[in-house]
Amino acid sequence: MSNWDDIYTCPICKSDECVPAVGSTKAKILIVGEFPGKDELKSGKPFSGATGAVLRTELGKVGLDVNRMRLCNLWYHIPNKKKECLEFGMQQVIKEAKDKQAILLVGSDVVKTFCDMSVSLVNGLQVTSPYLSAPLIMACVQPAVVFSNSIGELQWTLKKFSKLVEEV
């Protein structure tokens, strides 16, 4: 199969509302989100909506430039009930994670899928995954949490991630 950057239709369900990974394939940091929202579908880029803006801002505050990272989603398109679509997205993320130094797993679905843990229990902690290997893999709450709760939990996690990235 071709590079994920070149796939614009889901090979499983044939949805053409797909959002491929963005950023340099040589980037050492990978951020994995859950699924594209309406803004991401419109722009064709992960993390381009309101929650992506929060993530970009907060990463910038801790000295990390999202433009120097690779960004993707677990779901290539809006989630559906087809297990095969989820498995396709999961396989694409596994390919994206190859040779990365740090991976930030963002959101409950992503943490559950790759680590079989609840993000509420492991937010801000280094985690292990039977599917991913990198010197640093960290779980992070969905940035949308700032719209219903405080931003402190997200800020704490990203600050810790930034410091650990410097060590790898």
C-alpha atoms as a PDB file:
ATOM      1  CA  MET A   1       0.000   0.000   0.000  1.00  0.00           C
ATOM      2  CA  SER A   2       1.147   3.530  -0.659  1.00  0.00           C
ATOM      3  CA  ASN A   3       2.322   6.027   1.936  1.00  0.00           C
ATOM      4  CA  TRP A   4      -0.460   7.164   4.292  1.00  0.00           C
ATOM      5  CA  ASP A   5       0.090  10.723   3.039  1.00  0.00           C
ATOM      6  CA  ASP A   6      -1.134   9.592  -0.363  1.00  0.00           C
ATOM      7  CA  ILE A   7      -4.335   7.818   0.749  1.00  0.00           C
ATOM      8  CA  TYR A   8      -7.430   9.979   0.476  1.00  0.00           C
ATOM      9  CA  THR A   9     -10.071   7.243   0.516  1.00  0.00           C
ATOM     10  CA  CYS A  10     -10.387   4.599   3.228  1.00  0.00           C
ATOM     11  CA  PRO A  11      -9.554   1.245   1.641  1.00  0.00           C
ATOM     12  CA  ILE A  12     -12.070  -0.461   3.962  1.00  0.00           C
ATOM     13  CA  CYS A  13     -15.286   1.611   3.945  1.00  0.00           C
ATOM     14  CA  LYS A  14     -14.414   3.814   0.930  1.00  0.00           C
ATOM     15  CA  SER A  15     -15.049   7.019   2.895  1.00  0.00           C
ATOM     16  CA  ASP A  16     -13.484   9.976   1.127  1.00  0.00           C
ATOM     17  CA  GLU A  17     -13.598  12.149   4.261  1.00  0.00           C
ATOM     18  CA  CYS A  18     -10.100  11.143   5.301  1.00  0.00           C
ATOM     19  CA  VAL A  19      -7.344  13.058   7.030  1.00  0.00           C
ATOM     20  CA  PRO A  20      -3.822  11.727   6.437  1.00  0.00           C
ATOM     21  CA  ALA A  21      -0.834  12.291   8.690  1.00  0.00           C
ATOM     22  CA  VAL A  22       1.064  15.566   8.353  1.00  0.00           C
ATOM     23  CA  GLY A  23       4.549  16.750   9.194  1.00  0.00           C
ATOM     24  CA  SER A  24       7.915  15.399   8.252  1.00  0.00           C
ATOM     25  CA  THR A  25       8.163  11.617   8.231  1.00  0.00           C
ATOM     26  CA  LYS A  26      11.636  12.165   9.701  1.00  0.00           C
ATOM     27  CA  ALA A  27      10.290  14.032  12.740  1.00  0.00           C
ATOM     28  CA  LYS A  28      11.404  12.440  15.999  1.00  0.00           C
ATOM     29  CA  ILE A  29       8.116  13.184  17.800  1.00  0.00           C
ATOM     30  CA  LEU A  30       4.739  11.696  16.869  1.00  0.00           C
ATOM     31  CA  ILE A  31       1.446  12.953  18.261  1.00  0.00           C
ATOM     32  CA  VAL A  32      -1.492  10.581  17.860  1.00  0.00           C
ATOM     33  CA  GLY A  33      -5.017  11.936  18.196  1.00  0.00           C
ATOM     34  CA  GLU A  34      -8.323  10.109  18.178  1.00  0.00           C
ATOM     35  CA  PHE A  35     -10.182  11.095  14.990  1.00  0.00           C
ATOM     36  CA  PRO A  36     -10.668  14.074  12.704  1.00  0.00           C
ATOM     37  CA  GLY A  37     -13.371  16.575  13.555  1.00  0.00           C
ATOM     38  CA  LYS A  38     -15.165  18.896  11.153  1.00  0.00           C
ATOM     39  CA  ASP A  39     -12.309  21.429  11.059  1.00  0.00           C
ATOM     40  CA  GLU A  40      -9.767  18.669  10.357  1.00  0.00           C
ATOM     41  CA  LEU A  41     -11.969  17.259   7.600  1.00  0.00           C
ATOM     42  CA  LYS A  42     -12.202  20.726   6.055  1.00  0.00           C
ATOM     43  CA  SER A  43      -8.454  21.459   6.240  1.00  0.00           C
ATOM     44  CA  GLY A  44      -7.281  17.886   5.650  1.00  0.00           C
ATOM     45  CA  LYS A  45      -4.870  18.145   8.606  1.00  0.00           C
ATOM     46  CA  PRO A  46      -4.963  16.553  12.070  1.00  0.00           C
ATOM     47  CA  PHE A  47      -5.218  18.886  15.077  1.00  0.00           C
ATOM     48  CA  SER A  48      -6.328  21.891  13.007  1.00  0.00           C
ATOM     49  CA  GLY A  49      -9.535  22.608  14.940  1.00  0.00           C
ATOM     50  CA  ALA A  50     -10.178  24.246  18.303  1.00  0.00           C
ATOM     51  CA  THR A  51      -8.677  21.434  20.386  1.00  0.00           C
ATOM     52  CA  GLY A  52      -5.673  21.368  18.062  1.00  0.00           C
ATOM     53  CA  ALA A  53      -5.227  25.094  18.657  1.00  0.00           C
ATOM     54  CA  VAL A  54      -5.175  24.464  22.405  1.00  0.00           C
ATOM     55  CA  LEU A  55      -2.614  21.695  21.964  1.00  0.00           C
ATOM     56  CA  ARG A  56      -0.400  23.834  19.706  1.00  0.00           C
ATOM     57  CA  THR A  57      -0.544  26.766  22.127  1.00  0.00           C
ATOM     58  CA  GLU A  58       0.243  24.660  25.176  1.00  0.00           C
ATOM     59  CA  LEU A  59       3.069  22.795  23.422  1.00  0.00           C
ATOM     60  CA  GLY A  60       4.515  26.154  22.388  1.00  0.00           C
ATOM     61  CA  LYS A  61       4.440  27.321  26.008  1.00  0.00           C
ATOM     62  CA  VAL A  62       6.698  24.413  26.985  1.00  0.00           C
ATOM     63  CA  GLY A  63       9.071  24.985  24.086  1.00  0.00           C
ATOM     64  CA  LEU A  64       7.836  22.350  21.648  1.00  0.00           C
ATOM     65  CA  ASP A  65       7.031  23.350  18.066  1.00  0.00           C
ATOM     66  CA  VAL A  66       4.244  21.212  16.648  1.00  0.00           C
ATOM     67  CA  ASN A  67       5.486  22.092  13.156  1.00  0.00           C
ATOM     68  CA  ARG A  68       8.559  19.947  13.855  1.00  0.00           C
ATOM     69  CA  MET A  69       6.421  16.904  14.732  1.00  0.00           C
ATOM     70  CA  ARG A  70       4.477  14.271  12.851  1.00  0.00           C
ATOM     71  CA  LEU A  71       0.713  14.353  13.533  1.00  0.00           C
ATOM     72  CA  CYS A  72      -1.844  11.645  12.870  1.00  0.00           C
ATOM     73  CA  ASN A  73      -5.070  10.159  14.161  1.00  0.00           C
ATOM     74  CA  LEU A  74      -6.027   6.659  15.196  1.00  0.00           C
ATOM     75  CA  TRP A  75      -9.131   6.901  13.022  1.00  0.00           C
ATOM     76  CA  TYR A  76      -8.357   7.970   9.473  1.00  0.00           C
ATOM     77  CA  HIS A  77     -11.884   9.393   9.169  1.00  0.00           C
ATOM     78  CA  ILE A  78     -14.908   9.926  11.418  1.00  0.00           C
ATOM     79  CA  PRO A  79     -15.303   6.746  13.504  1.00  0.00           C
ATOM     80  CA  ASN A  80     -17.774   4.131  12.328  1.00  0.00           C
ATOM     81  CA  LYS A  81     -18.760   0.677  13.540  1.00  0.00           C
ATOM     82  CA  LYS A  82     -16.356  -1.163  11.233  1.00  0.00           C
ATOM     83  CA  LYS A  83     -13.655  -2.788  13.297  1.00  0.00           C
ATOM     84  CA  GLU A  84     -11.563  -3.115  10.135  1.00  0.00           C
ATOM     85  CA  CYS A  85     -11.442   0.683   9.736  1.00  0.00           C
ATOM     86  CA  LEU A  86     -10.115   1.046  13.269  1.00  0.00           C
ATOM     87  CA  GLU A  87      -7.575  -1.725  12.633  1.00  0.00           C
ATOM     88  CA  PHE A  88      -6.465   0.026   9.430  1.00  0.00           C
ATOM     89  CA  GLY A  89      -5.896   3.255  11.347  1.00  0.00           C
ATOM     90  CA  MET A  90      -4.075   1.387  14.089  1.00  0.00           C
ATOM     91  CA  GLN A  91      -1.717  -0.216  11.551  1.00  0.00           C
ATOM     92  CA  GLN A  92      -1.027   3.187  10.005  1.00  0.00           C
ATOM     93  CA  VAL A  93      -0.140   4.636  13.423  1.00  0.00           C
ATOM     94  CA  ILE A  94       2.194   1.692  14.077  1.00  0.00           C
ATOM     95  CA  LYS A  95       3.971   2.469  10.782  1.00  0.00           C
ATOM     96  CA  GLU A  96       4.137   6.170  11.685  1.00  0.00           C
ATOM     97  CA  ALA A  97       5.655   5.343  15.087  1.00  0.00           C
ATOM     98  CA  LYS A  98       8.624   3.510  13.590  1.00  0.00           C
ATOM     99  CA  ASP A  99      11.918   5.198  14.525  1.00  0.00           C
ATOM    100  CA  LYS A 100      10.275   7.932  16.617  1.00  0.00           C
ATOM    101  CA  GLN A 101      12.001   9.070  19.808  1.00  0.00           C
ATOM    102  CA  ALA A 102       8.821  10.251  21.536  1.00  0.00           C
ATOM    103  CA  ILE A 103       5.122   9.517  21.088  1.00  0.00           C
ATOM    104  CA  LEU A 104       2.299  11.455  22.725  1.00  0.00           C
ATOM    105  CA  LEU A 105      -0.948   9.453  22.818  1.00  0.00           C
ATOM    106  CA  VAL A 106      -3.775  11.979  23.049  1.00  0.00           C
ATOM    107  CA  GLY A 107      -7.240  10.991  24.241  1.00  0.00           C
ATOM    108  CA  SER A 108      -9.016   8.083  25.864  1.00  0.00           C
ATOM    109  CA  ASP A 109      -9.564   6.005  22.703  1.00  0.00           C
ATOM    110  CA  VAL A 110      -5.914   6.228  21.690  1.00  0.00           C
ATOM    111  CA  VAL A 111      -4.568   5.325  25.133  1.00  0.00           C
ATOM    112  CA  LYS A 112      -7.069   2.472  25.478  1.00  0.00           C
ATOM    113  CA  THR A 113      -6.269   1.099  21.999  1.00  0.00           C
ATOM    114  CA  PHE A 114      -2.493   1.173  22.295  1.00  0.00           C
ATOM    115  CA  CYS A 115      -2.003   0.609  26.037  1.00  0.00           C
ATOM    116  CA  ASP A 116      -5.258  -0.953  27.261  1.00  0.00           C
ATOM    117  CA  MET A 117      -5.434   1.648  30.039  1.00  0.00           C
ATOM    118  CA  SER A 118      -7.735   4.491  30.994  1.00  0.00           C
ATOM    119  CA  VAL A 119      -6.239   7.890  30.190  1.00  0.00           C
ATOM    120  CA  SER A 120      -7.725   9.236  33.410  1.00  0.00           C
ATOM    121  CA  LEU A 121      -5.478   6.832  35.337  1.00  0.00           C
ATOM    122  CA  VAL A 122      -2.267   7.370  33.344  1.00  0.00           C
ATOM    123  CA  ASN A 123      -2.457  10.978  32.109  1.00  0.00           C
ATOM    124  CA  GLY A 124       1.003  12.512  32.247  1.00  0.00           C
ATOM    125  CA  LEU A 125       2.724   9.185  32.801  1.00  0.00           C
ATOM    126  CA  GLN A 126       5.083   7.237  30.633  1.00  0.00           C
ATOM    127  CA  VAL A 127       3.296   4.161  29.351  1.00  0.00           C
ATOM    128  CA  THR A 128       4.235   1.024  27.477  1.00  0.00           C
ATOM    129  CA  SER A 129       2.456  -0.435  24.508  1.00  0.00           C
ATOM    130  CA  PRO A 130       2.574  -3.888  22.960  1.00  0.00           C
ATOM    131  CA  TYR A 131       2.223  -2.126  19.585  1.00  0.00           C
ATOM    132  CA  LEU A 132       4.550   0.861  19.803  1.00  0.00           C
ATOM    133  CA  SER A 133       8.179   1.215  20.722  1.00  0.00           C
ATOM    134  CA  ALA A 134       9.925   4.472  21.428  1.00  0.00           C
ATOM    135  CA  PRO A 135      12.155   5.666  24.273  1.00  0.00           C
ATOM    136  CA  LEU A 136       9.263   7.865  25.428  1.00  0.00           C
ATOM    137  CA  ILE A 137       5.557   7.088  25.130  1.00  0.00           C
ATOM    138  CA  MET A 138       3.260   9.286  27.210  1.00  0.00           C
ATOM    139  CA  ALA A 139      -0.498   9.368  27.748  1.00  0.00           C
ATOM    140  CA  CYS A 140      -2.307  12.704  27.557  1.00  0.00           C
ATOM    141  CA  VAL A 141      -5.897  13.798  28.087  1.00  0.00           C
ATOM    142  CA  GLN A 142      -7.791  15.140  25.098  1.00  0.00           C
ATOM    143  CA  PRO A 143      -7.116  18.899  24.808  1.00  0.00           C
ATOM    144  CA  ALA A 144     -10.897  19.442  24.618  1.00  0.00           C
ATOM    145  CA  VAL A 145     -10.867  18.875  28.389  1.00  0.00           C
ATOM    146  CA  VAL A 146     -10.045  22.570  28.692  1.00  0.00           C
ATOM    147  CA  PHE A 147     -13.504  23.456  27.428  1.00  0.00           C
ATOM    148  CA  SER A 148     -15.214  21.668  30.313  1.00  0.00           C
ATOM    149  CA  ASN A 149     -12.578  21.573  33.054  1.00  0.00           C
ATOM    150  CA  SER A 150      -9.415  23.406  33.902  1.00  0.00           C
ATOM    151  CA  ILE A 151      -6.420  23.516  31.611  1.00  0.00           C
ATOM    152  CA  GLY A 152      -4.058  22.564  34.429  1.00  0.00           C
ATOM    153  CA  GLU A 153      -4.109  18.822  33.749  1.00  0.00           C
ATOM    154  CA  LEU A 154      -3.160  19.328  30.096  1.00  0.00           C
ATOM    155  CA  GLN A 155      -0.471  21.891  30.947  1.00  0.00           C
ATOM    156  CA  TRP A 156       1.067  19.617  33.577  1.00  0.00           C
ATOM    157  CA  THR A 157       1.226  16.693  31.132  1.00  0.00           C
ATOM    158  CA  LEU A 158       2.751  18.704  28.292  1.00  0.00           C
ATOM    159  CA  LYS A 159       5.334  20.310  30.574  1.00  0.00           C
ATOM    160  CA  LYS A 160       6.392  16.872  31.770  1.00  0.00           C
ATOM    161  CA  PHE A 161       6.451  15.557  28.171  1.00  0.00           C
ATOM    162  CA  SER A 162       8.656  18.477  27.112  1.00  0.00           C
ATOM    163  CA  LYS A 163      11.199  17.751  29.847  1.00  0.00           C
ATOM    164  CA  LEU A 164      11.290  14.046  29.046  1.00  0.00           C
ATOM    165  CA  VAL A 165      11.688  14.733  25.307  1.00  0.00           C
ATOM    166  CA  GLU A 166      14.891  16.609  26.128  1.00  0.00           C
ATOM    167  CA  GLU A 167      16.233  13.448  27.804  1.00  0.00           C
ATOM    168  CA  VAL A 168      15.715  11.093  24.836  1.00  0.00           C
END
